[in-house]
Each structure stands twice: as C-alpha cells, then as structure tokens.
Amino acid sequence: PKAAFPAPLSYQDQRMLATAQSGTWSADDGTLLNQVLFQMRDGRGN
C-alpha cells in the first residue's frame, strides 16, 4: 500500500487543519508532507 499526492493538498481531522505542497504515504515508511501549514481547531495555535 502506497499513495502519493504530487499536487498541493489540504488535510483535516478532529484536531487540526493543514495544507501541504505535496505528500506521500506508505505502510512501511508512514507519511511525508512537504511545506506544511497547520491550524489547531481548538484555537490553541498554528
């Protein structure tokens, strides 16, 4: 299992919002995001 996001992406979950210029994922190596901006949804910062 592998995935790649060569284009800019946006990410969210119950804790945070994030954008990245690109990213990859694999079952062995985990996830790598490049040029990341994030914002905590509970207002704790960015």
ModelCIF file with pLDDT and N, C-alpha, C, O atoms, coordinates in Angstrom:
data_MODEL
#
_entry.id   MODEL 
#
_entity.id                         1 
_entity.type                       polymer 
_entity.pdbx_number_of_molecules   1 
#
_entity_poly.entity_id                      1 
_entity_poly.type                           'polypeptide(L)' 
_entity_poly.nstd_linkage                   no 
_entity_poly.nstd_monomer                   no 
_entity_poly.pdbx_seq_one_letter_code       PKAAFPAPLSYQDQRMLATAQSGTWSADDGTLLNQVLFQMRDGRGN 
_entity_poly.pdbx_seq_one_letter_code_can   PKAAFPAPLSYQDQRMLATAQSGTWSADDGTLLNQVLFQMRDGRGN 
_entity_poly.pdbx_strand_id                 A 
#
loop_
_entity_poly_seq.entity_id 
_entity_poly_seq.num 
_entity_poly_seq.mon_id 
_entity_poly_seq.hetero 
1 1  PRO n 
1 2  LYS n 
1 3  ALA n 
1 4  ALA n 
1 5  PHE n 
1 6  PRO n 
1 7  ALA n 
1 8  PRO n 
1 9  LEU n 
1 10 SER n 
1 11 TYR n 
1 12 GLN n 
1 13 ASP n 
1 14 GLN n 
1 15 ARG n 
1 16 MET n 
1 17 LEU n 
1 18 ALA n 
1 19 THR n 
1 20 ALA n 
1 21 GLN n 
1 22 SER n 
1 23 GLY n 
1 24 THR n 
1 25 TRP n 
1 26 SER n 
1 27 ALA n 
1 28 ASP n 
1 29 ASP n 
1 30 GLY n 
1 31 THR n 
1 32 LEU n 
1 33 LEU n 
1 34 ASN n 
1 35 GLN n 
1 36 VAL n 
1 37 LEU n 
1 38 PHE n 
1 39 GLN n 
1 40 MET n 
1 41 ARG n 
1 42 ASP n 
1 43 GLY n 
1 44 ARG n 
1 45 GLY n 
1 46 ASN n 
#
_struct_asym.id          A 
_struct_asym.entity_id   1 
#
loop_
_ma_qa_metric.id 
_ma_qa_metric.mode 
_ma_qa_metric.name 
_ma_qa_metric.software_group_id 
_ma_qa_metric.type 
1 global pLDDT . pLDDT 
2 local  pLDDT . pLDDT 
#
_ma_qa_metric_global.metric_id      1 
_ma_qa_metric_global.metric_value   81.15 
_ma_qa_metric_global.model_id       1 
_ma_qa_metric_global.ordinal_id     1 
#
loop_
_ma_qa_metric_local.label_asym_id 
_ma_qa_metric_local.label_comp_id 
_ma_qa_metric_local.label_seq_id 
_ma_qa_metric_local.metric_id 
_ma_qa_metric_local.metric_value 
_ma_qa_metric_local.model_id 
_ma_qa_metric_local.ordinal_id 
A PRO 1  2 73.00 1 1  
A LYS 2  2 79.00 1 2  
A ALA 3  2 80.00 1 3  
A ALA 4  2 87.00 1 4  
A PHE 5  2 89.00 1 5  
A PRO 6  2 91.00 1 6  
A ALA 7  2 90.00 1 7  
A PRO 8  2 93.00 1 8  
A LEU 9  2 91.00 1 9  
A SER 10 2 89.00 1 10 
A TYR 11 2 83.00 1 11 
A GLN 12 2 84.00 1 12 
A ASP 13 2 77.00 1 13 
A GLN 14 2 74.00 1 14 
A ARG 15 2 72.00 1 15 
A MET 16 2 76.00 1 16 
A LEU 17 2 83.00 1 17 
A ALA 18 2 84.00 1 18 
A THR 19 2 91.00 1 19 
A ALA 20 2 93.00 1 20 
A GLN 21 2 94.00 1 21 
A SER 22 2 92.00 1 22 
A GLY 23 2 88.00 1 23 
A THR 24 2 84.00 1 24 
A TRP 25 2 75.00 1 25 
A SER 26 2 74.00 1 26 
A ALA 27 2 63.00 1 27 
A ASP 28 2 68.00 1 28 
A ASP 29 2 72.00 1 29 
A GLY 30 2 68.00 1 30 
A THR 31 2 75.00 1 31 
A LEU 32 2 84.00 1 32 
A LEU 33 2 87.00 1 33 
A ASN 34 2 92.00 1 34 
A GLN 35 2 94.00 1 35 
A VAL 36 2 91.00 1 36 
A LEU 37 2 89.00 1 37 
A PHE 38 2 80.00 1 38 
A GLN 39 2 81.00 1 39 
A MET 40 2 75.00 1 40 
A ARG 41 2 75.00 1 41 
A ASP 42 2 68.00 1 42 
A GLY 43 2 64.00 1 43 
A ARG 44 2 66.00 1 44 
A GLY 45 2 74.00 1 45 
A ASN 46 2 81.00 1 46 
#
loop_
_atom_site.group_PDB 
_atom_site.id 
_atom_site.type_symbol 
_atom_site.label_atom_id 
_atom_site.label_alt_id 
_atom_site.label_comp_id 
_atom_site.label_asym_id 
_atom_site.label_entity_id 
_atom_site.label_seq_id 
_atom_site.pdbx_PDB_ins_code 
_atom_site.Cartn_x 
_atom_site.Cartn_y 
_atom_site.Cartn_z 
_atom_site.occupancy 
_atom_site.B_iso_or_equiv 
_atom_site.pdbx_formal_charge 
_atom_site.auth_seq_id 
_atom_site.auth_comp_id 
_atom_site.auth_asym_id 
_atom_site.auth_atom_id 
_atom_site.pdbx_PDB_model_num 
ATOM 1   N N  . PRO A 1 1  ? 0.826   -1.212 0.000  1.00 73.00 ? 1  PRO A N  1 
ATOM 2   C CA . PRO A 1 1  ? 0.000   0.000  0.000  1.00 73.00 ? 1  PRO A CA 1 
ATOM 3   C C  . PRO A 1 1  ? 0.859   1.260  0.000  1.00 73.00 ? 1  PRO A C  1 
ATOM 4   O O  . PRO A 1 1  ? 1.683   1.466  0.890  1.00 73.00 ? 1  PRO A O  1 
ATOM 5   N N  . LYS A 1 2  ? 0.651   2.095  -1.011 1.00 79.00 ? 2  LYS A N  1 
ATOM 6   C CA . LYS A 1 2  ? 1.357   3.367  -1.117 1.00 79.00 ? 2  LYS A CA 1 
ATOM 7   C C  . LYS A 1 2  ? 0.438   4.390  -1.765 1.00 79.00 ? 2  LYS A C  1 
ATOM 8   O O  . LYS A 1 2  ? -0.479  4.054  -2.515 1.00 79.00 ? 2  LYS A O  1 
ATOM 9   N N  . ALA A 1 3  ? 0.720   5.664  -1.447 1.00 80.00 ? 3  ALA A N  1 
ATOM 10  C CA . ALA A 1 3  ? -0.024  6.750  -2.079 1.00 80.00 ? 3  ALA A CA 1 
ATOM 11  C C  . ALA A 1 3  ? 0.881   7.962  -2.200 1.00 80.00 ? 3  ALA A C  1 
ATOM 12  O O  . ALA A 1 3  ? 1.770   8.175  -1.376 1.00 80.00 ? 3  ALA A O  1 
ATOM 13  N N  . ALA A 1 4  ? 0.643   8.758  -3.245 1.00 87.00 ? 4  ALA A N  1 
ATOM 14  C CA . ALA A 1 4  ? 1.406   9.981  -3.446 1.00 87.00 ? 4  ALA A CA 1 
ATOM 15  C C  . ALA A 1 4  ? 0.457   11.088 -3.866 1.00 87.00 ? 4  ALA A C  1 
ATOM 16  O O  . ALA A 1 4  ? -0.493  10.868 -4.617 1.00 87.00 ? 4  ALA A O  1 
ATOM 17  N N  . PHE A 1 5  ? 0.740   12.297 -3.359 1.00 89.00 ? 5  PHE A N  1 
ATOM 18  C CA . PHE A 1 5  ? -0.047  13.481 -3.686 1.00 89.00 ? 5  PHE A CA 1 
ATOM 19  C C  . PHE A 1 5  ? 0.920   14.509 -4.263 1.00 89.00 ? 5  PHE A C  1 
ATOM 20  O O  . PHE A 1 5  ? 1.475   15.313 -3.514 1.00 89.00 ? 5  PHE A O  1 
ATOM 21  N N  . PRO A 1 6  ? 1.133   14.501 -5.566 1.00 91.00 ? 6  PRO A N  1 
ATOM 22  C CA . PRO A 1 6  ? 2.123   15.412 -6.153 1.00 91.00 ? 6  PRO A CA 1 
ATOM 23  C C  . PRO A 1 6  ? 1.665   16.860 -6.183 1.00 91.00 ? 6  PRO A C  1 
ATOM 24  O O  . PRO A 1 6  ? 2.494   17.761 -6.318 1.00 91.00 ? 6  PRO A O  1 
ATOM 25  N N  . ALA A 1 7  ? 0.376   17.105 -6.063 1.00 90.00 ? 7  ALA A N  1 
ATOM 26  C CA . ALA A 1 7  ? -0.163  18.465 -6.129 1.00 90.00 ? 7  ALA A CA 1 
ATOM 27  C C  . ALA A 1 7  ? -0.440  18.976 -4.710 1.00 90.00 ? 7  ALA A C  1 
ATOM 28  O O  . ALA A 1 7  ? -0.474  18.184 -3.769 1.00 90.00 ? 7  ALA A O  1 
ATOM 29  N N  . PRO A 1 8  ? -0.633  20.262 -4.551 1.00 93.00 ? 8  PRO A N  1 
ATOM 30  C CA . PRO A 1 8  ? -0.988  20.800 -3.232 1.00 93.00 ? 8  PRO A CA 1 
ATOM 31  C C  . PRO A 1 8  ? -2.230  20.106 -2.676 1.00 93.00 ? 8  PRO A C  1 
ATOM 32  O O  . PRO A 1 8  ? -3.159  19.770 -3.411 1.00 93.00 ? 8  PRO A O  1 
ATOM 33  N N  . LEU A 1 9  ? -2.222  19.904 -1.366 1.00 91.00 ? 9  LEU A N  1 
ATOM 34  C CA . LEU A 1 9  ? -3.308  19.170 -0.716 1.00 91.00 ? 9  LEU A CA 1 
ATOM 35  C C  . LEU A 1 9  ? -3.745  19.909 0.535  1.00 91.00 ? 9  LEU A C  1 
ATOM 36  O O  . LEU A 1 9  ? -3.023  20.748 1.074  1.00 91.00 ? 9  LEU A O  1 
ATOM 37  N N  . SER A 1 10 ? -4.943  19.575 0.980  1.00 89.00 ? 10 SER A N  1 
ATOM 38  C CA . SER A 1 10 ? -5.455  20.050 2.270  1.00 89.00 ? 10 SER A CA 1 
ATOM 39  C C  . SER A 1 10 ? -5.845  18.845 3.097  1.00 89.00 ? 10 SER A C  1 
ATOM 40  O O  . SER A 1 10 ? -6.313  17.832 2.576  1.00 89.00 ? 10 SER A O  1 
ATOM 41  N N  . TYR A 1 11 ? -5.643  18.973 4.403  1.00 83.00 ? 11 TYR A N  1 
ATOM 42  C CA . TYR A 1 11 ? -5.894  17.851 5.315  1.00 83.00 ? 11 TYR A CA 1 
ATOM 43  C C  . TYR A 1 11 ? -6.660  18.367 6.525  1.00 83.00 ? 11 TYR A C  1 
ATOM 44  O O  . TYR A 1 11 ? -6.433  19.489 6.977  1.00 83.00 ? 11 TYR A O  1 
ATOM 45  N N  . GLN A 1 12 ? -7.570  17.547 7.051  1.00 84.00 ? 12 GLN A N  1 
ATOM 46  C CA . GLN A 1 12 ? -8.263  17.903 8.280  1.00 84.00 ? 12 GLN A CA 1 
ATOM 47  C C  . GLN A 1 12 ? -8.591  16.656 9.067  1.00 84.00 ? 12 GLN A C  1 
ATOM 48  O O  . GLN A 1 12 ? -8.763  15.576 8.501  1.00 84.00 ? 12 GLN A O  1 
ATOM 49  N N  . ASP A 1 13 ? -8.677  16.814 10.387 1.00 77.00 ? 13 ASP A N  1 
ATOM 50  C CA . ASP A 1 13 ? -9.239  15.800 11.276 1.00 77.00 ? 13 ASP A CA 1 
ATOM 51  C C  . ASP A 1 13 ? -9.894  16.540 12.435 1.00 77.00 ? 13 ASP A C  1 
ATOM 52  O O  . ASP A 1 13 ? -10.066 17.757 12.366 1.00 77.00 ? 13 ASP A O  1 
ATOM 53  N N  . GLN A 1 14 ? -10.258 15.835 13.491 1.00 74.00 ? 14 GLN A N  1 
ATOM 54  C CA . GLN A 1 14 ? -10.984 16.471 14.580 1.00 74.00 ? 14 GLN A CA 1 
ATOM 55  C C  . GLN A 1 14 ? -10.122 17.459 15.365 1.00 74.00 ? 14 GLN A C  1 
ATOM 56  O O  . GLN A 1 14 ? -10.656 18.249 16.143 1.00 74.00 ? 14 GLN A O  1 
ATOM 57  N N  . ARG A 1 15 ? -8.788  17.430 15.177 1.00 72.00 ? 15 ARG A N  1 
ATOM 58  C CA . ARG A 1 15 ? -7.909  18.303 15.939 1.00 72.00 ? 15 ARG A CA 1 
ATOM 59  C C  . ARG A 1 15 ? -7.371  19.477 15.136 1.00 72.00 ? 15 ARG A C  1 
ATOM 60  O O  . ARG A 1 15 ? -7.106  20.534 15.708 1.00 72.00 ? 15 ARG A O  1 
ATOM 61  N N  . MET A 1 16 ? -7.202  19.324 13.829 1.00 76.00 ? 16 MET A N  1 
ATOM 62  C CA . MET A 1 16 ? -6.455  20.333 13.117 1.00 76.00 ? 16 MET A CA 1 
ATOM 63  C C  . MET A 1 16 ? -6.839  20.425 11.656 1.00 76.00 ? 16 MET A C  1 
ATOM 64  O O  . MET A 1 16 ? -7.490  19.535 11.108 1.00 76.00 ? 16 MET A O  1 
ATOM 65  N N  . LEU A 1 17 ? -6.421  21.526 11.031 1.00 83.00 ? 17 LEU A N  1 
ATOM 66  C CA . LEU A 1 17 ? -6.479  21.740 9.594  1.00 83.00 ? 17 LEU A CA 1 
ATOM 67  C C  . LEU A 1 17 ? -5.045  21.937 9.113  1.00 83.00 ? 17 LEU A C  1 
ATOM 68  O O  . LEU A 1 17 ? -4.231  22.540 9.812  1.00 83.00 ? 17 LEU A O  1 
ATOM 69  N N  . ALA A 1 18 ? -4.733  21.425 7.913  1.00 84.00 ? 18 ALA A N  1 
ATOM 70  C CA . ALA A 1 18 ? -3.378  21.573 7.382  1.00 84.00 ? 18 ALA A CA 1 
ATOM 71  C C  . ALA A 1 18 ? -3.419  21.611 5.866  1.00 84.00 ? 18 ALA A C  1 
ATOM 72  O O  . ALA A 1 18 ? -4.293  21.025 5.226  1.00 84.00 ? 18 ALA A O  1 
ATOM 73  N N  . THR A 1 19 ? -2.436  22.325 5.311  1.00 91.00 ? 19 THR A N  1 
ATOM 74  C CA . THR A 1 19 ? -2.200  22.287 3.867  1.00 91.00 ? 19 THR A CA 1 
ATOM 75  C C  . THR A 1 19 ? -0.733  21.940 3.641  1.00 91.00 ? 19 THR A C  1 
ATOM 76  O O  . THR A 1 19 ? 0.119   22.227 4.482  1.00 91.00 ? 19 THR A O  1 
ATOM 77  N N  . ALA A 1 20 ? -0.442  21.310 2.480  1.00 93.00 ? 20 ALA A N  1 
ATOM 78  C CA . ALA A 1 20 ? 0.933   20.953 2.127  1.00 93.00 ? 20 ALA A CA 1 
ATOM 79  C C  . ALA A 1 20 ? 1.094   21.056 0.617  1.00 93.00 ? 20 ALA A C  1 
ATOM 80  O O  . ALA A 1 20 ? 0.128   20.927 -0.135 1.00 93.00 ? 20 ALA A O  1 
ATOM 81  N N  . GLN A 1 21 ? 2.327   21.289 0.188  1.00 94.00 ? 21 GLN A N  1 
ATOM 82  C CA . GLN A 1 21 ? 2.589   21.380 -1.241 1.00 94.00 ? 21 GLN A CA 1 
ATOM 83  C C  . GLN A 1 21 ? 2.546   20.016 -1.909 1.00 94.00 ? 21 GLN A C  1 
ATOM 84  O O  . GLN A 1 21 ? 2.172   19.902 -3.076 1.00 94.00 ? 21 GLN A O  1 
ATOM 85  N N  . SER A 1 22 ? 2.926   18.987 -1.173 1.00 92.00 ? 22 SER A N  1 
ATOM 86  C CA . SER A 1 22 ? 2.883   17.619 -1.700 1.00 92.00 ? 22 SER A CA 1 
ATOM 87  C C  . SER A 1 22 ? 3.022   16.665 -0.534 1.00 92.00 ? 22 SER A C  1 
ATOM 88  O O  . SER A 1 22 ? 3.338   17.068 0.586  1.00 92.00 ? 22 SER A O  1 
ATOM 89  N N  . GLY A 1 23 ? 2.779   15.375 -0.815 1.00 88.00 ? 23 GLY A N  1 
ATOM 90  C CA . GLY A 1 23 ? 2.902   14.389 0.251  1.00 88.00 ? 23 GLY A CA 1 
ATOM 91  C C  . GLY A 1 23 ? 2.905   12.974 -0.278 1.00 88.00 ? 23 GLY A C  1 
ATOM 92  O O  . GLY A 1 23 ? 2.441   12.712 -1.387 1.00 88.00 ? 23 GLY A O  1 
ATOM 93  N N  . THR A 1 24 ? 3.435   12.058 0.526  1.00 84.00 ? 24 THR A N  1 
ATOM 94  C CA . THR A 1 24 ? 3.450   10.629 0.191  1.00 84.00 ? 24 THR A CA 1 
ATOM 95  C C  . THR A 1 24 ? 3.054   9.838  1.419  1.00 84.00 ? 24 THR A C  1 
ATOM 96  O O  . THR A 1 24 ? 3.129   10.317 2.550  1.00 84.00 ? 24 THR A O  1 
ATOM 97  N N  . TRP A 1 25 ? 2.618   8.578  1.156  1.00 75.00 ? 25 TRP A N  1 
ATOM 98  C CA . TRP A 1 25 ? 2.265   7.684  2.246  1.00 75.00 ? 25 TRP A CA 1 
ATOM 99  C C  . TRP A 1 25 ? 2.593   6.259  1.844  1.00 75.00 ? 25 TRP A C  1 
ATOM 100 O O  . TRP A 1 25 ? 2.422   5.867  0.690  1.00 75.00 ? 25 TRP A O  1 
ATOM 101 N N  . SER A 1 26 ? 3.077   5.479  2.830  1.00 74.00 ? 26 SER A N  1 
ATOM 102 C CA . SER A 1 26 ? 3.282   4.053  2.609  1.00 74.00 ? 26 SER A CA 1 
ATOM 103 C C  . SER A 1 26 ? 3.091   3.335  3.931  1.00 74.00 ? 26 SER A C  1 
ATOM 104 O O  . SER A 1 26 ? 3.254   3.923  5.001  1.00 74.00 ? 26 SER A O  1 
ATOM 105 N N  . ALA A 1 27 ? 2.739   2.044  3.846  1.00 63.00 ? 27 ALA A N  1 
ATOM 106 C CA . ALA A 1 27 ? 2.522   1.255  5.051  1.00 63.00 ? 27 ALA A CA 1 
ATOM 107 C C  . ALA A 1 27 ? 3.808   1.076  5.840  1.00 63.00 ? 27 ALA A C  1 
ATOM 108 O O  . ALA A 1 27 ? 3.769   0.959  7.065  1.00 63.00 ? 27 ALA A O  1 
ATOM 109 N N  . ASP A 1 28 ? 4.951   1.052  5.156  1.00 68.00 ? 28 ASP A N  1 
ATOM 110 C CA . ASP A 1 28 ? 6.234   0.828  5.830  1.00 68.00 ? 28 ASP A CA 1 
ATOM 111 C C  . ASP A 1 28 ? 6.848   2.111  6.358  1.00 68.00 ? 28 ASP A C  1 
ATOM 112 O O  . ASP A 1 28 ? 7.367   2.131  7.474  1.00 68.00 ? 28 ASP A O  1 
ATOM 113 N N  . ASP A 1 29 ? 6.800   3.188  5.576  1.00 72.00 ? 29 ASP A N  1 
ATOM 114 C CA . ASP A 1 29 ? 7.521   4.413  5.924  1.00 72.00 ? 29 ASP A CA 1 
ATOM 115 C C  . ASP A 1 29 ? 6.635   5.514  6.483  1.00 72.00 ? 29 ASP A C  1 
ATOM 116 O O  . ASP A 1 29 ? 7.143   6.565  6.876  1.00 72.00 ? 29 ASP A O  1 
ATOM 117 N N  . GLY A 1 30 ? 5.342   5.306  6.531  1.00 68.00 ? 30 GLY A N  1 
ATOM 118 C CA . GLY A 1 30 ? 4.445   6.322  7.048  1.00 68.00 ? 30 GLY A CA 1 
ATOM 119 C C  . GLY A 1 30 ? 4.173   7.407  6.032  1.00 68.00 ? 30 GLY A C  1 
ATOM 120 O O  . GLY A 1 30 ? 4.187   7.171  4.824  1.00 68.00 ? 30 GLY A O  1 
ATOM 121 N N  . THR A 1 31 ? 3.916   8.639  6.559  1.00 75.00 ? 31 THR A N  1 
ATOM 122 C CA . THR A 1 31 ? 3.510   9.757  5.713  1.00 75.00 ? 31 THR A CA 1 
ATOM 123 C C  . THR A 1 31 ? 4.571   10.841 5.745  1.00 75.00 ? 31 THR A C  1 
ATOM 124 O O  . THR A 1 31 ? 5.158   11.130 6.788  1.00 75.00 ? 31 THR A O  1 
ATOM 125 N N  . LEU A 1 32 ? 4.803   11.430 4.593  1.00 84.00 ? 32 LEU A N  1 
ATOM 126 C CA . LEU A 1 32 ? 5.718   12.562 4.498  1.00 84.00 ? 32 LEU A CA 1 
ATOM 127 C C  . LEU A 1 32 ? 4.998   13.701 3.800  1.00 84.00 ? 32 LEU A C  1 
ATOM 128 O O  . LEU A 1 32 ? 4.570   13.566 2.653  1.00 84.00 ? 32 LEU A O  1 
ATOM 129 N N  . LEU A 1 33 ? 4.864   14.833 4.499  1.00 87.00 ? 33 LEU A N  1 
ATOM 130 C CA . LEU A 1 33 ? 4.238   16.028 3.935  1.00 87.00 ? 33 LEU A CA 1 
ATOM 131 C C  . LEU A 1 33 ? 5.308   17.103 3.771  1.00 87.00 ? 33 LEU A C  1 
ATOM 132 O O  . LEU A 1 33 ? 6.205   17.226 4.605  1.00 87.00 ? 33 LEU A O  1 
ATOM 133 N N  . ASN A 1 34 ? 5.211   17.864 2.713  1.00 92.00 ? 34 ASN A N  1 
ATOM 134 C CA . ASN A 1 34 ? 6.205   18.891 2.403  1.00 92.00 ? 34 ASN A CA 1 
ATOM 135 C C  . ASN A 1 34 ? 5.566   20.280 2.430  1.00 92.00 ? 34 ASN A C  1 
ATOM 136 O O  . ASN A 1 34 ? 4.456   20.481 1.937  1.00 92.00 ? 34 ASN A O  1 
ATOM 137 N N  . GLN A 1 35 ? 6.304   21.242 3.026  1.00 94.00 ? 35 GLN A N  1 
ATOM 138 C CA . GLN A 1 35 ? 5.845   22.633 3.099  1.00 94.00 ? 35 GLN A CA 1 
ATOM 139 C C  . GLN A 1 35 ? 4.442   22.702 3.718  1.00 94.00 ? 35 GLN A C  1 
ATOM 140 O O  . GLN A 1 35 ? 3.458   23.009 3.045  1.00 94.00 ? 35 GLN A O  1 
ATOM 141 N N  . VAL A 1 36 ? 4.389   22.410 5.005  1.00 91.00 ? 36 VAL A N  1 
ATOM 142 C CA . VAL A 1 36 ? 3.123   22.235 5.722  1.00 91.00 ? 36 VAL A CA 1 
ATOM 143 C C  . VAL A 1 36 ? 2.738   23.528 6.448  1.00 91.00 ? 36 VAL A C  1 
ATOM 144 O O  . VAL A 1 36 ? 3.572   24.170 7.086  1.00 91.00 ? 36 VAL A O  1 
ATOM 145 N N  . LEU A 1 37 ? 1.458   23.892 6.336  1.00 89.00 ? 37 LEU A N  1 
ATOM 146 C CA . LEU A 1 37 ? 0.833   24.909 7.176  1.00 89.00 ? 37 LEU A CA 1 
ATOM 147 C C  . LEU A 1 37 ? -0.283  24.234 7.960  1.00 89.00 ? 37 LEU A C  1 
ATOM 148 O O  . LEU A 1 37 ? -1.043  23.445 7.399  1.00 89.00 ? 37 LEU A O  1 
ATOM 149 N N  . PHE A 1 38 ? -0.393  24.539 9.269  1.00 80.00 ? 38 PHE A N  1 
ATOM 150 C CA . PHE A 1 38 ? -1.450  23.884 10.059 1.00 80.00 ? 38 PHE A CA 1 
ATOM 151 C C  . PHE A 1 38 ? -2.101  24.893 10.987 1.00 80.00 ? 38 PHE A C  1 
ATOM 152 O O  . PHE A 1 38 ? -1.545  25.949 11.289 1.00 80.00 ? 38 PHE A O  1 
ATOM 153 N N  . GLN A 1 39 ? -3.311  24.526 11.435 1.00 81.00 ? 39 GLN A N  1 
ATOM 154 C CA . GLN A 1 39 ? -4.094  25.349 12.356 1.00 81.00 ? 39 GLN A CA 1 
ATOM 155 C C  . GLN A 1 39 ? -4.848  24.402 13.278 1.00 81.00 ? 39 GLN A C  1 
ATOM 156 O O  . GLN A 1 39 ? -5.541  23.500 12.807 1.00 81.00 ? 39 GLN A O  1 
ATOM 157 N N  . MET A 1 40 ? -4.717  24.601 14.605 1.00 75.00 ? 40 MET A N  1 
ATOM 158 C CA . MET A 1 40 ? -5.416  23.744 15.559 1.00 75.00 ? 40 MET A CA 1 
ATOM 159 C C  . MET A 1 40 ? -6.881  24.179 15.641 1.00 75.00 ? 40 MET A C  1 
ATOM 160 O O  . MET A 1 40 ? -7.182  25.367 15.763 1.00 75.00 ? 40 MET A O  1 
ATOM 161 N N  . ARG A 1 41 ? -7.770  23.218 15.573 1.00 75.00 ? 41 ARG A N  1 
ATOM 162 C CA . ARG A 1 41 ? -9.194  23.543 15.548 1.00 75.00 ? 41 ARG A CA 1 
ATOM 163 C C  . ARG A 1 41 ? -9.729  23.968 16.905 1.00 75.00 ? 41 ARG A C  1 
ATOM 164 O O  . ARG A 1 41 ? -10.794 24.581 16.972 1.00 75.00 ? 41 ARG A O  1 
ATOM 165 N N  . ASP A 1 42 ? -9.015  23.658 18.006 1.00 68.00 ? 42 ASP A N  1 
ATOM 166 C CA . ASP A 1 42 ? -9.465  24.080 19.326 1.00 68.00 ? 42 ASP A CA 1 
ATOM 167 C C  . ASP A 1 42 ? -8.968  25.470 19.681 1.00 68.00 ? 42 ASP A C  1 
ATOM 168 O O  . ASP A 1 42 ? -9.133  25.913 20.818 1.00 68.00 ? 42 ASP A O  1 
ATOM 169 N N  . GLY A 1 43 ? -8.354  26.175 18.716 1.00 64.00 ? 43 GLY A N  1 
ATOM 170 C CA . GLY A 1 43 ? -7.907  27.533 18.956 1.00 64.00 ? 43 GLY A CA 1 
ATOM 171 C C  . GLY A 1 43 ? -6.581  27.647 19.659 1.00 64.00 ? 43 GLY A C  1 
ATOM 172 O O  . GLY A 1 43 ? -6.239  28.730 20.132 1.00 64.00 ? 43 GLY A O  1 
ATOM 173 N N  . ARG A 1 44 ? -5.805  26.558 19.751 1.00 66.00 ? 44 ARG A N  1 
ATOM 174 C CA . ARG A 1 44 ? -4.549  26.605 20.502 1.00 66.00 ? 44 ARG A CA 1 
ATOM 175 C C  . ARG A 1 44 ? -3.383  27.134 19.688 1.00 66.00 ? 44 ARG A C  1 
ATOM 176 O O  . ARG A 1 44 ? -2.306  27.329 20.250 1.00 66.00 ? 44 ARG A O  1 
ATOM 177 N N  . GLY A 1 45 ? -3.536  27.372 18.414 1.00 74.00 ? 45 GLY A N  1 
ATOM 178 C CA . GLY A 1 45 ? -2.442  27.957 17.670 1.00 74.00 ? 45 GLY A CA 1 
ATOM 179 C C  . GLY A 1 45 ? -2.319  27.407 16.267 1.00 74.00 ? 45 GLY A C  1 
ATOM 180 O O  . GLY A 1 45 ? -3.157  26.635 15.800 1.00 74.00 ? 45 GLY A O  1 
ATOM 181 N N  . ASN A 1 46 ? -1.239  27.828 15.599 1.00 81.00 ? 46 ASN A N  1 
ATOM 182 C CA . ASN A 1 46 ? -0.996  27.431 14.232 1.00 81.00 ? 46 ASN A CA 1 
ATOM 183 C C  . ASN A 1 46 ? 0.505   27.461 13.987 1.00 81.00 ? 46 ASN A C  1 
ATOM 184 O O  . ASN A 1 46 ? 0.957   27.158 12.882 1.00 81.00 ? 46 ASN A O  1 
#
